[in-house]
Protein backbone atom coordinates (compact mmCIF):
# COMPACT_ATOMS: atom_id res chain seq x y z
CA UNK A 1 -25.43 87.26 -1.51
CA UNK A 2 -26.95 86.36 -4.98
CA UNK A 3 -28.59 83.47 -3.44
CA UNK A 4 -31.04 84.40 -1.08
CA UNK A 5 -32.65 82.41 1.94
CA UNK A 6 -35.80 82.56 0.16
CA UNK A 7 -34.23 81.14 -2.86
CA UNK A 8 -32.25 78.12 -0.80
CA UNK A 9 -35.70 77.50 0.33
CA UNK A 10 -37.71 77.29 -3.06
CA UNK A 11 -34.68 75.12 -3.85
CA UNK A 12 -35.71 72.77 -1.10
CA UNK A 13 -38.85 72.78 -1.63
CA UNK A 14 -38.71 71.94 -5.51
CA UNK A 15 -36.34 69.12 -4.68
CA UNK A 16 -33.55 70.97 -6.39
CA UNK A 17 -29.91 70.45 -5.17
CA UNK A 18 -28.46 73.80 -3.66
CA UNK A 19 -26.19 75.60 -6.26
CA UNK A 20 -28.15 74.53 -9.38
CA UNK A 21 -30.90 77.17 -9.52
CA UNK A 22 -33.35 78.17 -12.62
CA UNK A 23 -31.86 80.77 -13.79
CA UNK A 24 -34.88 82.33 -15.60
CA UNK A 25 -36.10 83.43 -11.94
CA UNK A 26 -33.29 85.78 -11.64
CA UNK A 27 -32.25 89.04 -12.73
CA UNK A 28 -28.78 90.33 -12.91
CA UNK A 29 -25.11 89.59 -13.57
CA UNK A 30 -24.38 85.71 -14.13
CA UNK A 31 -20.76 86.75 -13.00
CA UNK A 32 -21.70 87.87 -9.64
CA UNK A 33 -23.50 83.93 -8.87
CA UNK A 34 -21.92 82.04 -6.58
CA UNK A 35 -22.33 78.79 -5.42
CA UNK A 36 -22.27 77.57 -9.18
CA UNK A 37 -19.80 76.32 -11.65
CA UNK A 38 -19.89 76.32 -15.15
CA UNK A 39 -20.87 72.72 -15.41
CA UNK A 40 -23.60 73.93 -13.00
CA UNK A 41 -24.81 76.27 -15.30
CA UNK A 42 -26.21 73.74 -17.93
CA UNK A 43 -27.19 70.85 -15.63
CA UNK A 44 -30.85 69.53 -16.45
CA UNK A 45 -33.26 70.03 -13.90
CA UNK A 46 -34.86 66.66 -14.69
CA UNK A 47 -33.28 64.03 -11.81
CA UNK A 48 -32.37 61.46 -14.25
CA UNK A 49 -30.67 63.60 -17.17
CA UNK A 50 -28.89 65.44 -14.41
CA UNK A 51 -27.28 61.64 -13.29
CA UNK A 52 -26.50 61.25 -16.83
CA UNK A 53 -25.22 64.83 -17.40
CA UNK A 54 -23.16 64.37 -14.30
CA UNK A 55 -21.66 60.98 -15.42
CA UNK A 56 -20.73 62.25 -18.81
CA UNK A 57 -19.05 64.84 -17.43
CA UNK A 58 -16.81 62.57 -15.24
CA UNK A 59 -15.89 60.54 -17.93
CA UNK A 60 -15.07 63.30 -19.95
CA UNK A 61 -12.86 65.09 -17.19
CA UNK A 62 -11.01 61.56 -16.53
CA UNK A 63 -10.21 61.48 -20.44
CA UNK A 64 -9.23 65.16 -20.63
CA UNK A 65 -6.82 64.33 -17.66
CA UNK A 66 -5.27 61.18 -19.50
CA UNK A 67 -5.16 63.55 -22.88
CA UNK A 68 -2.90 65.63 -20.01
CA UNK A 69 -0.84 62.95 -19.46
CA UNK A 70 0.09 62.62 -22.76
CA UNK A 71 2.00 66.13 -22.97
CA UNK A 72 5.22 65.18 -21.06
CA UNK A 73 8.78 65.69 -20.64
CA UNK A 74 11.27 63.40 -18.99
CA UNK A 75 13.75 64.86 -16.91
CA UNK A 76 17.20 62.96 -16.70
CA UNK A 77 17.75 63.29 -13.00
CA UNK A 78 13.96 62.71 -12.01
CA UNK A 79 11.78 59.83 -12.26
CA UNK A 80 8.70 62.38 -12.39
CA UNK A 81 8.21 63.74 -15.56
CA UNK A 82 6.65 67.46 -16.43
CA UNK A 83 3.46 66.54 -17.73
CA UNK A 84 0.09 68.82 -18.70
CA UNK A 85 -1.86 66.51 -16.00
CA UNK A 86 -1.54 69.79 -13.21
CA UNK A 87 -3.43 71.95 -16.02
CA UNK A 88 -6.11 69.23 -16.65
CA UNK A 89 -6.76 68.59 -13.00
CA UNK A 90 -6.93 72.01 -11.74
CA UNK A 91 -9.33 72.74 -14.69
CA UNK A 92 -11.43 69.83 -14.22
CA UNK A 93 -11.91 70.76 -10.80
CA UNK A 94 -12.87 74.32 -11.67
CA UNK A 95 -14.92 73.79 -14.02
CA UNK A 96 -16.77 71.09 -13.05
CA UNK A 97 -16.91 71.62 -9.08
CA UNK A 98 -16.05 69.58 -6.18
CA UNK A 99 -17.16 66.44 -6.40
CA UNK A 100 -17.46 66.19 -10.14
CA UNK A 101 -13.84 67.08 -10.45
CA UNK A 102 -12.56 64.80 -7.80
CA UNK A 103 -14.48 61.87 -9.24
CA UNK A 104 -13.11 62.40 -12.51
CA UNK A 105 -9.40 61.92 -11.18
CA UNK A 106 -10.72 59.00 -9.06
CA UNK A 107 -12.08 57.84 -12.43
CA UNK A 108 -8.95 58.52 -14.28
CA UNK A 109 -7.07 56.56 -11.22
CA UNK A 110 -9.42 53.72 -11.96
CA UNK A 111 -8.60 53.48 -15.38
CA UNK A 112 -4.88 53.35 -14.95
CA UNK A 113 -5.07 51.04 -12.37
CA UNK A 114 -6.82 48.83 -14.32
CA UNK A 115 -4.28 48.53 -17.00
CA UNK A 116 -5.06 51.23 -19.56
CA UNK A 117 -2.10 53.21 -20.65
CA UNK A 118 -3.60 56.79 -19.21
CA UNK A 119 -0.40 57.72 -16.83
CA UNK A 120 2.27 59.35 -18.16
CA UNK A 121 4.39 56.31 -17.12
CA UNK A 122 1.85 53.77 -19.02
CA UNK A 123 -0.46 51.90 -16.93
CA UNK A 124 -1.04 49.38 -14.01
CA UNK A 125 -1.07 49.43 -10.14
CA UNK A 126 2.84 49.33 -10.19
CA UNK A 127 2.56 53.19 -11.66
CA UNK A 128 0.61 54.18 -8.61
CA UNK A 129 3.02 52.49 -6.04
CA UNK A 130 5.72 54.06 -7.83
CA UNK A 131 7.78 57.46 -7.48
CA UNK A 132 4.97 59.33 -9.27
CA UNK A 133 2.01 57.52 -7.25
CA UNK A 134 1.44 60.29 -4.53
CA UNK A 135 0.96 62.97 -7.31
CA UNK A 136 -1.72 60.81 -8.80
CA UNK A 137 -3.44 60.23 -5.45
CA UNK A 138 -3.17 64.01 -4.91
CA UNK A 139 -5.20 64.80 -8.34
CA UNK A 140 -8.26 63.91 -6.56
CA UNK A 141 -7.82 66.33 -3.49
CA UNK A 142 -6.25 68.85 -5.74
CA UNK A 143 -9.52 68.96 -7.88
CA UNK A 144 -11.66 68.82 -4.83
CA UNK A 145 -9.95 71.86 -3.17
CA UNK A 146 -10.00 73.70 -6.42
CA UNK A 147 -13.46 73.11 -7.10
CA UNK A 148 -14.64 73.73 -3.94
CA UNK A 149 -13.37 77.61 -4.14
CA UNK A 150 -14.77 77.75 -7.45
CA UNK A 151 -18.17 77.25 -6.13
CA UNK A 152 -17.53 79.71 -3.56
CA UNK A 153 -17.09 82.51 -6.70
CA UNK A 154 -12.67 82.20 -6.55
CA UNK A 155 -12.98 81.49 -10.16
CA UNK A 156 -14.90 84.93 -11.01
CA UNK A 157 -11.72 86.98 -10.84
CA UNK A 158 -8.11 86.75 -11.89
CA UNK A 159 -6.51 87.25 -8.38
CA UNK A 160 -8.47 84.36 -6.79
CA UNK A 161 -8.80 82.16 -9.49
CA UNK A 162 -4.94 81.96 -9.09
CA UNK A 163 -4.85 81.52 -5.25
CA UNK A 164 -7.47 78.56 -5.95
CA UNK A 165 -5.22 76.89 -8.51
CA UNK A 166 -2.04 77.78 -6.36
CA UNK A 167 -3.64 76.04 -2.98
CA UNK A 168 -4.99 73.12 -5.24
CA UNK A 169 -1.46 72.66 -6.39
CA UNK A 170 0.49 72.92 -3.20
CA UNK A 171 -1.99 70.17 -2.03
CA UNK A 172 -1.07 68.10 -4.95
CA UNK A 173 2.72 68.62 -4.28
CA UNK A 174 1.90 67.56 -0.39
CA UNK A 175 0.82 64.15 -1.42
CA UNK A 176 3.30 63.70 -4.23
CA UNK A 177 6.26 64.77 -1.86
CA UNK A 178 5.13 62.74 1.17
CA UNK A 179 5.10 59.78 -0.98
CA UNK A 180 8.50 60.37 -2.47
CA UNK A 181 9.67 60.60 1.35
CA UNK A 182 8.27 57.47 2.19
CA UNK A 183 10.06 55.82 -0.79
CA UNK A 184 13.47 57.68 -0.54
CA UNK A 185 13.80 58.94 2.98
CA UNK A 186 13.44 62.40 3.93
CA UNK A 187 16.21 64.41 2.22
CA UNK A 188 17.01 67.41 0.00
CA UNK A 189 16.93 65.30 -3.00
CA UNK A 190 13.13 64.88 -2.73
CA UNK A 191 12.87 68.28 -3.57
CA UNK A 192 15.44 68.30 -5.90
CA UNK A 193 13.46 65.77 -8.09
CA UNK A 194 9.79 66.26 -6.75
CA UNK A 195 9.84 70.14 -6.51
CA UNK A 196 11.84 72.48 -8.02
CA UNK A 197 12.00 71.34 -11.22
CA UNK A 198 8.32 72.20 -11.61
CA UNK A 199 7.49 75.30 -9.86
CA UNK A 200 7.88 77.55 -12.88
CA UNK A 201 5.90 75.22 -15.66
CA UNK A 202 3.23 74.97 -12.91
CA UNK A 203 3.16 78.81 -12.48
CA UNK A 204 2.79 79.26 -16.19
CA UNK A 205 0.07 76.73 -16.33
CA UNK A 206 -1.91 78.24 -13.19
CA UNK A 207 -1.27 81.74 -14.76
CA UNK A 208 -3.07 80.55 -17.94
CA UNK A 209 -6.29 79.11 -16.14
CA UNK A 210 -6.53 81.75 -13.91
CA UNK A 211 -6.91 84.18 -17.26
CA UNK A 212 -9.05 81.66 -18.86
CA UNK A 213 -11.75 80.95 -15.96
CA UNK A 214 -12.61 85.24 -15.30
CA UNK A 215 -12.86 85.62 -19.19
CA UNK A 216 -15.31 82.68 -19.28
CA UNK A 217 -17.65 84.32 -16.68
CA UNK A 218 -17.22 87.52 -18.36
CA UNK A 219 -18.46 86.41 -21.83
CA UNK A 220 -21.37 84.42 -20.02
CA UNK A 221 -22.23 87.79 -18.61
CA UNK A 222 -22.91 89.25 -22.01
CA UNK A 223 -26.16 86.75 -21.77
CA UNK A 224 -29.02 87.27 -19.65
CA UNK A 225 -30.12 84.48 -16.92
CA UNK A 226 -33.01 83.45 -18.90
CA UNK A 227 -30.71 82.93 -22.09
CA UNK A 228 -28.51 80.91 -20.21
CA UNK A 229 -31.33 78.93 -18.60
CA UNK A 230 -32.81 78.22 -22.25
CA UNK A 231 -29.03 76.72 -22.97
CA UNK A 232 -29.58 73.80 -20.82
CA UNK A 233 -31.06 70.04 -22.08
CA UNK A 234 -34.71 70.38 -22.07
CA UNK A 235 -36.35 67.34 -21.04
CA UNK A 236 -40.34 66.85 -20.10
């Protein structure tokens, strides 16, 4: 693996979190690096600035999901609209990693439950307890799983990136359909209003994400590790 035991010991002794390496110490292809996400490449090494960087990304991620909620199509036969949120959640997870991605989704839910109109159906706790509530809760788990797989290098190639997105999306559906069953009972109607209308659109969004993620790594691979390291926020 690219991150050897020696490099991991060097991280622990220097107080750095695993996965956030000094890229200038390495020679090789960026695309071969595992245990690091897009966001991890630019994370400052100084603790206080790294924390501010993480907080900024979490806020930005939650706002990106909120923007996805604005892209919506209401269906006459379903209380669950088609939105751009699925794409936003999965991309945030893949770009930011498991914990930053899931915290972005969590912060998004906090904004919505406090009354901000960031959900596709508005804002307030009533939306979270309504028919779309399961999907909203599922955003946290979906972002975490997608981010976890991205941290393991699944976002480096189209096939594995696609599979990571599919697994994240399945997790989201599991939460959403389970909550619909709690509200409506177990019946085929749950699948008709909560699954079937979204499959094709979600596959298209997943395919787009699966194309973008490996393409970004290939673009970064044109730079040397030292050049990527120089892009990080410099602090004294």
